[in-house]
């Protein structure tokens, strides 16, 4: 875990702040705003719940029906990491920084969206994820970008961080528990 924090989390978390410091940009440039918090939380919870289900189904039926049932402590630890460390840092970097910076450089939101979504998707391949897993990440990345871009008003990362955290948990944590329960239910019905 520490190599992950030192080699991935810290650099990705610090680079956006270095960028706004060098170019004298406000922190709101990165989507760090408190614009319409109740709407952002509601949007994050609704879309996040749907994406957690999608991620679990994608993992169970597209990738592999194999799973490892996490212990309650492991599940809590993983969920806290995905919701409060991984999702905020990845969203800060890919949506808050990369999408906005590329849009600023090119003058067209389409380039910002395309480059940030492609980079987010391919970045997961660096972790030696299978191409089928990366395909699911790409689909999730499109949804994350839409959650970030479509609400009215200034861009804010709150909803997309919630969606990202729920999706990752559905793919890697809660999903295993749901797949286990589904498997257990099927075993009981077959007996």
N, C-alpha and C. Protein backbone atom coordinates (compact mmCIF):
# COMPACT_ATOMS: atom_id res chain seq x y z
N UNK A 1 0.81 -1.20 0.00
CA UNK A 1 0.00 0.00 0.00
C UNK A 1 0.86 1.26 0.00
N UNK A 2 1.94 1.28 0.78
CA UNK A 2 2.78 2.48 0.83
C UNK A 2 3.40 2.82 -0.51
N UNK A 3 3.88 1.82 -1.28
CA UNK A 3 4.39 2.19 -2.61
C UNK A 3 3.31 2.86 -3.47
N UNK A 4 2.06 2.37 -3.35
CA UNK A 4 0.96 2.97 -4.10
C UNK A 4 0.75 4.43 -3.70
N UNK A 5 0.80 4.69 -2.41
CA UNK A 5 0.61 6.06 -1.94
C UNK A 5 1.76 6.95 -2.39
N UNK A 6 2.99 6.46 -2.27
CA UNK A 6 4.15 7.28 -2.63
C UNK A 6 4.31 7.47 -4.13
N UNK A 7 4.00 6.44 -4.92
CA UNK A 7 4.25 6.51 -6.36
C UNK A 7 3.04 6.95 -7.18
N UNK A 8 1.85 6.88 -6.61
CA UNK A 8 0.65 7.21 -7.39
C UNK A 8 -0.18 8.29 -6.72
N UNK A 9 -0.60 8.05 -5.50
CA UNK A 9 -1.52 8.96 -4.82
C UNK A 9 -0.90 10.34 -4.60
N UNK A 10 0.28 10.38 -4.01
CA UNK A 10 0.90 11.69 -3.73
C UNK A 10 1.21 12.49 -4.99
N UNK A 11 1.88 11.92 -6.00
CA UNK A 11 2.14 12.72 -7.21
C UNK A 11 0.86 13.20 -7.90
N UNK A 12 -0.14 12.31 -7.99
CA UNK A 12 -1.39 12.70 -8.65
C UNK A 12 -2.15 13.73 -7.82
N UNK A 13 -1.99 13.68 -6.52
CA UNK A 13 -2.66 14.65 -5.66
C UNK A 13 -1.96 16.00 -5.63
N UNK A 14 -0.65 16.01 -5.81
CA UNK A 14 0.11 17.26 -5.73
C UNK A 14 0.23 17.99 -7.06
N UNK A 15 0.30 17.25 -8.17
CA UNK A 15 0.48 17.88 -9.49
C UNK A 15 -0.57 18.95 -9.80
N UNK A 16 -1.86 18.71 -9.53
CA UNK A 16 -2.84 19.77 -9.82
C UNK A 16 -2.59 21.06 -9.04
N UNK A 17 -2.17 20.93 -7.79
CA UNK A 17 -1.91 22.13 -6.98
C UNK A 17 -0.66 22.85 -7.46
N UNK A 18 0.33 22.10 -7.93
CA UNK A 18 1.52 22.73 -8.51
C UNK A 18 1.13 23.52 -9.76
N UNK A 19 0.25 22.95 -10.57
CA UNK A 19 -0.19 23.61 -11.80
C UNK A 19 -0.89 24.94 -11.50
N UNK A 20 -1.83 24.92 -10.56
CA UNK A 20 -2.54 26.18 -10.28
C UNK A 20 -1.63 27.19 -9.59
N UNK A 21 -0.62 26.71 -8.86
CA UNK A 21 0.34 27.64 -8.24
C UNK A 21 1.20 28.30 -9.30
N UNK A 22 1.70 27.52 -10.25
CA UNK A 22 2.57 28.06 -11.31
C UNK A 22 1.80 29.05 -12.18
N UNK A 23 0.57 28.73 -12.53
CA UNK A 23 -0.21 29.58 -13.43
C UNK A 23 -1.13 30.55 -12.70
N UNK A 24 -1.02 30.62 -11.38
CA UNK A 24 -1.79 31.57 -10.57
C UNK A 24 -3.29 31.47 -10.83
N UNK A 25 -3.78 30.23 -10.77
CA UNK A 25 -5.20 29.97 -11.00
C UNK A 25 -5.90 29.75 -9.66
N UNK A 26 -7.19 30.05 -9.60
CA UNK A 26 -7.93 29.81 -8.35
C UNK A 26 -8.14 28.31 -8.14
N UNK A 27 -8.35 27.94 -6.91
CA UNK A 27 -8.57 26.53 -6.57
C UNK A 27 -9.84 26.00 -7.24
N UNK A 28 -10.78 26.88 -7.54
CA UNK A 28 -12.01 26.48 -8.23
C UNK A 28 -11.72 25.95 -9.63
N UNK A 29 -10.57 26.31 -10.21
CA UNK A 29 -10.17 25.78 -11.52
C UNK A 29 -10.16 24.26 -11.51
N UNK A 30 -9.80 23.69 -10.36
CA UNK A 30 -9.69 22.23 -10.22
C UNK A 30 -11.02 21.56 -9.86
N UNK A 31 -12.11 22.32 -9.83
CA UNK A 31 -13.40 21.75 -9.46
C UNK A 31 -13.58 21.64 -7.96
N UNK A 32 -12.72 22.27 -7.20
CA UNK A 32 -12.83 22.24 -5.74
C UNK A 32 -13.69 23.41 -5.29
N UNK A 33 -14.99 23.22 -5.47
CA UNK A 33 -15.97 24.23 -5.10
C UNK A 33 -17.05 23.58 -4.24
N UNK A 34 -17.82 24.40 -3.59
CA UNK A 34 -18.96 23.91 -2.81
C UNK A 34 -20.27 24.33 -3.49
N UNK A 35 -20.27 24.31 -4.80
CA UNK A 35 -21.45 24.70 -5.56
C UNK A 35 -22.55 23.65 -5.43
N UNK A 36 -23.71 24.04 -4.94
CA UNK A 36 -24.91 23.21 -4.87
C UNK A 36 -24.63 21.83 -4.25
N UNK A 37 -24.12 21.84 -3.04
CA UNK A 37 -23.71 20.61 -2.35
C UNK A 37 -24.85 19.59 -2.24
N UNK A 38 -26.08 19.96 -1.83
CA UNK A 38 -27.14 18.94 -1.74
C UNK A 38 -27.40 18.24 -3.08
N UNK A 39 -27.42 19.02 -4.17
CA UNK A 39 -27.63 18.42 -5.49
C UNK A 39 -26.47 17.50 -5.85
N UNK A 40 -25.25 17.91 -5.54
CA UNK A 40 -24.08 17.10 -5.85
C UNK A 40 -24.09 15.78 -5.07
N UNK A 41 -24.46 15.85 -3.80
CA UNK A 41 -24.52 14.63 -2.98
C UNK A 41 -25.61 13.70 -3.51
N UNK A 42 -26.79 14.24 -3.80
CA UNK A 42 -27.89 13.42 -4.32
C UNK A 42 -27.50 12.77 -5.65
N UNK A 43 -26.93 13.57 -6.55
CA UNK A 43 -26.50 13.05 -7.85
C UNK A 43 -25.45 11.95 -7.65
N UNK A 44 -24.49 12.21 -6.78
CA UNK A 44 -23.44 11.22 -6.52
C UNK A 44 -23.99 9.92 -5.97
N UNK A 45 -24.94 10.01 -5.04
CA UNK A 45 -25.50 8.80 -4.43
C UNK A 45 -26.34 8.00 -5.42
N UNK A 46 -27.15 8.69 -6.23
CA UNK A 46 -28.01 7.98 -7.19
C UNK A 46 -27.16 7.34 -8.29
N UNK A 47 -26.34 8.15 -8.95
CA UNK A 47 -25.52 7.61 -10.05
C UNK A 47 -24.49 6.62 -9.49
N UNK A 48 -23.94 6.92 -8.33
CA UNK A 48 -22.96 6.03 -7.71
C UNK A 48 -23.54 4.66 -7.40
N UNK A 49 -24.76 4.62 -6.90
CA UNK A 49 -25.41 3.34 -6.61
C UNK A 49 -25.62 2.53 -7.88
N UNK A 50 -26.07 3.20 -8.93
CA UNK A 50 -26.26 2.52 -10.22
C UNK A 50 -24.93 2.02 -10.78
N UNK A 51 -23.90 2.84 -10.65
CA UNK A 51 -22.58 2.44 -11.16
C UNK A 51 -21.97 1.31 -10.34
N UNK A 52 -22.24 1.27 -9.04
CA UNK A 52 -21.75 0.16 -8.22
C UNK A 52 -22.39 -1.15 -8.68
N UNK A 53 -23.68 -1.10 -8.99
CA UNK A 53 -24.37 -2.29 -9.52
C UNK A 53 -23.79 -2.67 -10.87
N UNK A 54 -23.61 -1.67 -11.75
CA UNK A 54 -23.01 -1.93 -13.07
C UNK A 54 -21.63 -2.58 -12.91
N UNK A 55 -20.80 -2.02 -12.03
CA UNK A 55 -19.43 -2.53 -11.84
C UNK A 55 -19.45 -3.97 -11.33
N UNK A 56 -20.37 -4.26 -10.43
CA UNK A 56 -20.47 -5.62 -9.90
C UNK A 56 -20.90 -6.59 -11.00
N UNK A 57 -21.91 -6.21 -11.77
CA UNK A 57 -22.38 -7.07 -12.86
C UNK A 57 -21.31 -7.23 -13.94
N UNK A 58 -20.63 -6.14 -14.27
CA UNK A 58 -19.56 -6.20 -15.27
C UNK A 58 -18.49 -7.18 -14.81
N UNK A 59 -18.12 -7.07 -13.56
CA UNK A 59 -17.08 -7.94 -13.02
C UNK A 59 -17.54 -9.39 -12.98
N UNK A 60 -18.77 -9.61 -12.55
CA UNK A 60 -19.26 -10.97 -12.41
C UNK A 60 -19.59 -11.68 -13.71
N UNK A 61 -20.04 -10.92 -14.72
CA UNK A 61 -20.51 -11.55 -15.94
C UNK A 61 -19.63 -11.30 -17.16
N UNK A 62 -18.93 -10.19 -17.21
CA UNK A 62 -18.06 -9.90 -18.36
C UNK A 62 -16.64 -10.39 -18.09
N UNK A 63 -16.15 -10.15 -16.89
CA UNK A 63 -14.76 -10.50 -16.58
C UNK A 63 -14.62 -11.94 -16.12
N UNK A 64 -15.20 -12.24 -14.98
CA UNK A 64 -15.03 -13.57 -14.41
C UNK A 64 -15.99 -13.75 -13.25
N UNK A 65 -16.59 -14.91 -13.14
CA UNK A 65 -17.47 -15.14 -11.99
C UNK A 65 -16.69 -15.41 -10.70
N UNK A 66 -15.36 -15.44 -10.79
CA UNK A 66 -14.55 -15.69 -9.59
C UNK A 66 -14.49 -14.45 -8.71
N UNK A 67 -14.45 -14.68 -7.43
CA UNK A 67 -14.40 -13.58 -6.47
C UNK A 67 -13.77 -14.08 -5.19
N UNK A 68 -13.35 -13.15 -4.36
CA UNK A 68 -12.88 -13.48 -3.02
C UNK A 68 -13.74 -12.70 -2.05
N UNK A 69 -14.41 -13.39 -1.17
CA UNK A 69 -15.27 -12.71 -0.21
C UNK A 69 -14.39 -11.96 0.80
N UNK A 70 -14.52 -10.64 0.85
CA UNK A 70 -13.70 -9.88 1.81
C UNK A 70 -14.23 -10.03 3.23
N UNK A 71 -13.32 -9.96 4.18
CA UNK A 71 -13.74 -9.93 5.58
C UNK A 71 -14.38 -8.57 5.84
N UNK A 72 -15.19 -8.43 6.88
CA UNK A 72 -15.78 -7.12 7.18
C UNK A 72 -14.73 -6.02 7.38
N UNK A 73 -13.62 -6.35 8.03
CA UNK A 73 -12.56 -5.35 8.25
C UNK A 73 -11.92 -4.96 6.93
N UNK A 74 -11.65 -5.95 6.07
CA UNK A 74 -11.06 -5.67 4.76
C UNK A 74 -12.01 -4.83 3.92
N UNK A 75 -13.28 -5.17 3.97
CA UNK A 75 -14.28 -4.42 3.21
C UNK A 75 -14.35 -2.97 3.68
N UNK A 76 -14.33 -2.76 4.97
CA UNK A 76 -14.35 -1.40 5.52
C UNK A 76 -13.11 -0.63 5.11
N UNK A 77 -11.95 -1.26 5.24
CA UNK A 77 -10.69 -0.62 4.87
C UNK A 77 -10.67 -0.26 3.38
N UNK A 78 -11.04 -1.22 2.53
CA UNK A 78 -11.07 -0.97 1.09
C UNK A 78 -12.05 0.15 0.74
N UNK A 79 -13.24 0.09 1.29
CA UNK A 79 -14.25 1.11 1.00
C UNK A 79 -13.79 2.49 1.41
N UNK A 80 -13.19 2.61 2.58
CA UNK A 80 -12.69 3.91 3.05
C UNK A 80 -11.58 4.41 2.13
N UNK A 81 -10.69 3.51 1.71
CA UNK A 81 -9.62 3.90 0.79
C UNK A 81 -10.19 4.37 -0.54
N UNK A 82 -11.12 3.61 -1.12
CA UNK A 82 -11.68 3.98 -2.42
C UNK A 82 -12.49 5.27 -2.35
N UNK A 83 -13.27 5.44 -1.29
CA UNK A 83 -14.15 6.61 -1.17
C UNK A 83 -13.43 7.88 -0.75
N UNK A 84 -12.43 7.76 0.13
CA UNK A 84 -11.84 8.96 0.72
C UNK A 84 -10.40 9.25 0.29
N UNK A 85 -9.75 8.33 -0.41
CA UNK A 85 -8.39 8.60 -0.88
C UNK A 85 -8.31 8.42 -2.40
N UNK A 86 -8.56 7.20 -2.88
CA UNK A 86 -8.39 6.91 -4.30
C UNK A 86 -9.30 7.76 -5.20
N UNK A 87 -10.60 7.72 -4.96
CA UNK A 87 -11.52 8.47 -5.83
C UNK A 87 -11.25 9.97 -5.81
N UNK A 88 -11.07 10.61 -4.65
CA UNK A 88 -10.78 12.05 -4.68
C UNK A 88 -9.50 12.39 -5.44
N UNK A 89 -8.46 11.59 -5.25
CA UNK A 89 -7.19 11.90 -5.93
C UNK A 89 -7.31 11.68 -7.43
N UNK A 90 -7.88 10.56 -7.86
CA UNK A 90 -8.01 10.31 -9.29
C UNK A 90 -8.92 11.34 -9.95
N UNK A 91 -10.01 11.71 -9.30
CA UNK A 91 -10.90 12.72 -9.89
C UNK A 91 -10.26 14.10 -9.91
N UNK A 92 -9.53 14.44 -8.86
CA UNK A 92 -8.80 15.71 -8.86
C UNK A 92 -7.84 15.75 -10.03
N UNK A 93 -7.13 14.65 -10.28
CA UNK A 93 -6.14 14.63 -11.35
C UNK A 93 -6.77 14.58 -12.74
N UNK A 94 -7.66 13.62 -12.97
CA UNK A 94 -8.17 13.41 -14.33
C UNK A 94 -9.27 14.38 -14.73
N UNK A 95 -10.23 14.65 -13.87
CA UNK A 95 -11.30 15.58 -14.22
C UNK A 95 -10.94 17.01 -13.82
N UNK A 96 -10.55 17.21 -12.57
CA UNK A 96 -10.27 18.56 -12.09
C UNK A 96 -9.08 19.21 -12.75
N UNK A 97 -8.02 18.46 -12.95
CA UNK A 97 -6.79 19.01 -13.52
C UNK A 97 -6.68 18.76 -15.02
N UNK A 98 -6.59 17.51 -15.43
CA UNK A 98 -6.30 17.20 -16.83
C UNK A 98 -7.40 17.70 -17.77
N UNK A 99 -8.66 17.41 -17.46
CA UNK A 99 -9.75 17.85 -18.33
C UNK A 99 -9.75 19.38 -18.45
N UNK A 100 -9.61 20.05 -17.32
CA UNK A 100 -9.65 21.52 -17.33
C UNK A 100 -8.41 22.12 -18.00
N UNK A 101 -7.23 21.54 -17.75
CA UNK A 101 -5.99 22.08 -18.34
C UNK A 101 -5.98 21.90 -19.85
N UNK A 102 -6.35 20.72 -20.33
CA UNK A 102 -6.37 20.50 -21.78
C UNK A 102 -7.42 21.39 -22.43
N UNK A 103 -8.56 21.56 -21.78
CA UNK A 103 -9.58 22.47 -22.31
C UNK A 103 -9.03 23.90 -22.36
N UNK A 104 -8.32 24.30 -21.32
CA UNK A 104 -7.73 25.65 -21.29
C UNK A 104 -6.70 25.81 -22.41
N UNK A 105 -5.85 24.82 -22.62
CA UNK A 105 -4.80 24.91 -23.64
C UNK A 105 -5.37 24.92 -25.05
N UNK A 106 -6.39 24.09 -25.30
CA UNK A 106 -6.91 23.94 -26.66
C UNK A 106 -8.09 24.85 -26.96
N UNK A 107 -8.75 25.32 -25.92
CA UNK A 107 -9.92 26.16 -26.13
C UNK A 107 -11.18 25.38 -26.47
N UNK A 108 -11.13 24.05 -26.40
CA UNK A 108 -12.30 23.24 -26.73
C UNK A 108 -12.50 22.16 -25.68
N UNK A 109 -13.67 22.14 -25.07
CA UNK A 109 -14.00 21.16 -24.04
C UNK A 109 -13.90 19.73 -24.55
N UNK A 110 -14.20 19.52 -25.81
CA UNK A 110 -14.13 18.18 -26.39
C UNK A 110 -12.74 17.55 -26.27
N UNK A 111 -11.70 18.36 -26.49
CA UNK A 111 -10.34 17.84 -26.34
C UNK A 111 -10.05 17.50 -24.89
N UNK A 112 -10.48 18.36 -23.98
CA UNK A 112 -10.27 18.09 -22.56
C UNK A 112 -10.94 16.80 -22.15
N UNK A 113 -12.18 16.61 -22.61
CA UNK A 113 -12.92 15.40 -22.29
C UNK A 113 -12.23 14.17 -22.89
N UNK A 114 -11.88 14.24 -24.16
CA UNK A 114 -11.28 13.10 -24.85
C UNK A 114 -9.94 12.70 -24.24
N UNK A 115 -9.06 13.67 -24.05
CA UNK A 115 -7.73 13.37 -23.51
C UNK A 115 -7.81 12.85 -22.08
N UNK A 116 -8.62 13.49 -21.25
CA UNK A 116 -8.70 13.06 -19.84
C UNK A 116 -9.34 11.68 -19.71
N UNK A 117 -10.35 11.40 -20.51
CA UNK A 117 -11.01 10.09 -20.44
C UNK A 117 -10.09 8.99 -20.98
N UNK A 118 -9.40 9.27 -22.08
CA UNK A 118 -8.45 8.29 -22.63
C UNK A 118 -7.30 8.05 -21.65
N UNK A 119 -6.77 9.11 -21.08
CA UNK A 119 -5.66 8.96 -20.12
C UNK A 119 -6.12 8.17 -18.89
N UNK A 120 -7.30 8.48 -18.39
CA UNK A 120 -7.85 7.75 -17.23
C UNK A 120 -7.99 6.27 -17.56
N UNK A 121 -8.50 5.97 -18.73
CA UNK A 121 -8.71 4.58 -19.13
C UNK A 121 -7.38 3.84 -19.26
N UNK A 122 -6.45 4.42 -20.02
CA UNK A 122 -5.18 3.75 -20.28
C UNK A 122 -4.28 3.69 -19.05
N UNK A 123 -4.45 4.63 -18.15
CA UNK A 123 -3.70 4.63 -16.90
C UNK A 123 -3.93 3.33 -16.12
N UNK A 124 -5.12 2.78 -16.21
CA UNK A 124 -5.41 1.53 -15.51
C UNK A 124 -4.71 0.34 -16.16
N UNK A 125 -4.39 0.46 -17.43
CA UNK A 125 -3.63 -0.61 -18.10
C UNK A 125 -2.21 -0.68 -17.53
N UNK A 126 -1.68 0.46 -17.07
CA UNK A 126 -0.35 0.47 -16.46
C UNK A 126 -0.30 -0.42 -15.22
N UNK A 127 -1.45 -0.58 -14.56
CA UNK A 127 -1.54 -1.46 -13.40
C UNK A 127 -1.69 -2.92 -13.79
N UNK A 128 -1.45 -3.22 -15.07
CA UNK A 128 -1.54 -4.58 -15.60
C UNK A 128 -2.96 -5.15 -15.54
N UNK A 129 -3.95 -4.27 -15.61
CA UNK A 129 -5.32 -4.74 -15.69
C UNK A 129 -5.54 -5.34 -17.08
N UNK A 130 -6.42 -6.31 -17.19
CA UNK A 130 -6.73 -6.90 -18.49
C UNK A 130 -7.45 -5.87 -19.35
N UNK A 131 -7.42 -6.11 -20.66
CA UNK A 131 -8.09 -5.17 -21.56
C UNK A 131 -9.59 -5.15 -21.32
N UNK A 132 -10.17 -6.29 -20.93
CA UNK A 132 -11.61 -6.29 -20.63
C UNK A 132 -11.90 -5.45 -19.40
N UNK A 133 -11.02 -5.50 -18.40
CA UNK A 133 -11.18 -4.64 -17.23
C UNK A 133 -11.04 -3.18 -17.62
N UNK A 134 -10.05 -2.90 -18.46
CA UNK A 134 -9.82 -1.52 -18.91
C UNK A 134 -11.02 -1.02 -19.72
N UNK A 135 -11.67 -1.90 -20.47
CA UNK A 135 -12.88 -1.50 -21.20
C UNK A 135 -13.97 -1.03 -20.25
N UNK A 136 -14.14 -1.73 -19.15
CA UNK A 136 -15.11 -1.31 -18.13
C UNK A 136 -14.73 0.02 -17.51
N UNK A 137 -13.43 0.20 -17.28
CA UNK A 137 -12.94 1.47 -16.75
C UNK A 137 -13.24 2.60 -17.73
N UNK A 138 -13.07 2.34 -19.02
CA UNK A 138 -13.37 3.35 -20.03
C UNK A 138 -14.84 3.76 -20.01
N UNK A 139 -15.72 2.77 -19.89
CA UNK A 139 -17.15 3.09 -19.79
C UNK A 139 -17.43 3.91 -18.54
N UNK A 140 -16.82 3.52 -17.43
CA UNK A 140 -16.99 4.28 -16.18
C UNK A 140 -16.44 5.69 -16.34
N UNK A 141 -15.29 5.83 -17.01
CA UNK A 141 -14.69 7.14 -17.23
C UNK A 141 -15.60 8.08 -18.00
N UNK A 142 -16.34 7.54 -18.96
CA UNK A 142 -17.30 8.36 -19.71
C UNK A 142 -18.39 8.87 -18.77
N UNK A 143 -18.91 7.98 -17.94
CA UNK A 143 -19.95 8.38 -16.98
C UNK A 143 -19.39 9.41 -16.00
N UNK A 144 -18.17 9.19 -15.50
CA UNK A 144 -17.57 10.14 -14.56
C UNK A 144 -17.47 11.53 -15.19
N UNK A 145 -17.03 11.58 -16.45
CA UNK A 145 -16.92 12.88 -17.12
C UNK A 145 -18.27 13.55 -17.27
N UNK A 146 -19.29 12.78 -17.61
CA UNK A 146 -20.63 13.35 -17.75
C UNK A 146 -21.15 13.88 -16.42
N UNK A 147 -20.91 13.14 -15.34
CA UNK A 147 -21.35 13.60 -14.01
C UNK A 147 -20.63 14.89 -13.64
N UNK A 148 -19.40 15.03 -14.06
CA UNK A 148 -18.62 16.25 -13.78
C UNK A 148 -19.08 17.42 -14.65
N UNK A 149 -19.36 17.15 -15.92
CA UNK A 149 -19.60 18.24 -16.88
C UNK A 149 -21.06 18.67 -17.01
N UNK A 150 -22.01 17.77 -16.85
CA UNK A 150 -23.40 18.10 -17.18
C UNK A 150 -24.16 18.98 -16.20
N UNK A 151 -23.95 18.85 -14.88
CA UNK A 151 -24.73 19.74 -13.99
C UNK A 151 -24.46 21.21 -14.28
N UNK A 152 -25.48 22.03 -14.10
CA UNK A 152 -25.33 23.46 -14.38
C UNK A 152 -24.45 24.11 -13.32
N UNK A 153 -23.92 25.26 -13.67
CA UNK A 153 -23.07 26.00 -12.74
C UNK A 153 -21.62 25.61 -12.89
N UNK A 154 -20.79 26.12 -12.00
CA UNK A 154 -19.36 25.80 -12.09
C UNK A 154 -19.11 24.30 -11.85
N UNK A 155 -18.10 23.78 -12.52
CA UNK A 155 -17.77 22.37 -12.33
C UNK A 155 -17.32 22.13 -10.90
N UNK A 156 -17.78 21.02 -10.34
CA UNK A 156 -17.39 20.64 -8.99
C UNK A 156 -17.17 19.14 -8.94
N UNK A 157 -16.21 18.71 -8.15
CA UNK A 157 -15.82 17.31 -8.11
C UNK A 157 -16.63 16.45 -7.13
N UNK A 158 -17.46 17.04 -6.30
CA UNK A 158 -18.11 16.29 -5.23
C UNK A 158 -18.90 15.09 -5.74
N UNK A 159 -19.81 15.29 -6.69
CA UNK A 159 -20.64 14.18 -7.17
C UNK A 159 -19.80 13.10 -7.83
N UNK A 160 -18.86 13.51 -8.66
CA UNK A 160 -18.07 12.52 -9.39
C UNK A 160 -17.15 11.74 -8.45
N UNK A 161 -16.70 12.34 -7.37
CA UNK A 161 -15.90 11.60 -6.39
C UNK A 161 -16.76 10.51 -5.74
N UNK A 162 -17.99 10.85 -5.40
CA UNK A 162 -18.90 9.85 -4.80
C UNK A 162 -19.16 8.72 -5.80
N UNK A 163 -19.46 9.09 -7.05
CA UNK A 163 -19.73 8.08 -8.09
C UNK A 163 -18.51 7.18 -8.29
N UNK A 164 -17.34 7.79 -8.38
CA UNK A 164 -16.11 7.03 -8.59
C UNK A 164 -15.86 6.08 -7.41
N UNK A 165 -16.01 6.57 -6.19
CA UNK A 165 -15.80 5.72 -5.02
C UNK A 165 -16.76 4.55 -4.97
N UNK A 166 -18.03 4.80 -5.27
CA UNK A 166 -19.02 3.72 -5.29
C UNK A 166 -18.71 2.71 -6.40
N UNK A 167 -18.32 3.21 -7.57
CA UNK A 167 -18.03 2.33 -8.70
C UNK A 167 -16.84 1.43 -8.39
N UNK A 168 -15.78 2.01 -7.87
CA UNK A 168 -14.59 1.22 -7.53
C UNK A 168 -14.92 0.21 -6.45
N UNK A 169 -15.69 0.61 -5.46
CA UNK A 169 -16.10 -0.33 -4.41
C UNK A 169 -16.96 -1.45 -4.99
N UNK A 170 -17.84 -1.12 -5.91
CA UNK A 170 -18.66 -2.15 -6.56
C UNK A 170 -17.83 -3.12 -7.37
N UNK A 171 -16.74 -2.63 -7.92
CA UNK A 171 -15.87 -3.48 -8.75
C UNK A 171 -14.92 -4.31 -7.90
N UNK A 172 -14.41 -3.73 -6.82
CA UNK A 172 -13.33 -4.39 -6.08
C UNK A 172 -13.65 -4.76 -4.64
N UNK A 173 -14.74 -4.30 -4.07
CA UNK A 173 -15.00 -4.55 -2.65
C UNK A 173 -16.42 -5.05 -2.43
N UNK A 174 -17.39 -4.15 -2.47
CA UNK A 174 -18.78 -4.55 -2.26
C UNK A 174 -19.19 -5.59 -3.28
N UNK A 175 -18.65 -5.47 -4.48
CA UNK A 175 -19.00 -6.40 -5.54
C UNK A 175 -18.71 -7.84 -5.18
N UNK A 176 -17.57 -8.07 -4.53
CA UNK A 176 -17.25 -9.43 -4.12
C UNK A 176 -18.29 -9.97 -3.14
N UNK A 177 -18.72 -9.13 -2.22
CA UNK A 177 -19.75 -9.55 -1.26
C UNK A 177 -21.06 -9.87 -1.99
N UNK A 178 -21.45 -9.02 -2.93
CA UNK A 178 -22.69 -9.26 -3.68
C UNK A 178 -22.57 -10.52 -4.53
N UNK A 179 -21.43 -10.72 -5.17
CA UNK A 179 -21.23 -11.93 -5.97
C UNK A 179 -21.27 -13.17 -5.08
N UNK A 180 -20.69 -13.08 -3.89
CA UNK A 180 -20.73 -14.20 -2.95
C UNK A 180 -22.17 -14.52 -2.56
N UNK A 181 -22.92 -13.49 -2.22
CA UNK A 181 -24.32 -13.71 -1.81
C UNK A 181 -25.14 -14.30 -2.96
N UNK A 182 -24.91 -13.82 -4.18
CA UNK A 182 -25.60 -14.36 -5.34
C UNK A 182 -25.24 -15.84 -5.53
N UNK A 183 -23.95 -16.15 -5.43
CA UNK A 183 -23.48 -17.53 -5.56
C UNK A 183 -24.10 -18.40 -4.46
N UNK A 184 -24.09 -17.91 -3.23
CA UNK A 184 -24.64 -18.66 -2.09
C UNK A 184 -26.14 -18.92 -2.29
N UNK A 185 -26.85 -17.90 -2.78
CA UNK A 185 -28.29 -18.04 -3.04
C UNK A 185 -28.53 -19.12 -4.11
N UNK A 186 -27.72 -19.12 -5.15
CA UNK A 186 -27.87 -20.12 -6.21
C UNK A 186 -27.55 -21.52 -5.70
N UNK A 187 -26.54 -21.62 -4.83
CA UNK A 187 -26.18 -22.93 -4.26
C UNK A 187 -27.32 -23.47 -3.41
N UNK A 188 -27.96 -22.60 -2.64
CA UNK A 188 -29.07 -23.00 -1.78
C UNK A 188 -30.26 -23.46 -2.62
N UNK A 189 -30.54 -22.75 -3.71
CA UNK A 189 -31.67 -23.11 -4.57
C UNK A 189 -31.41 -24.42 -5.29
N UNK A 190 -30.16 -24.73 -5.60
CA UNK A 190 -29.83 -25.96 -6.33
C UNK A 190 -29.85 -27.19 -5.41
N UNK A 191 -29.74 -26.97 -4.12
CA UNK A 191 -29.70 -28.10 -3.17
C UNK A 191 -31.06 -28.69 -2.91
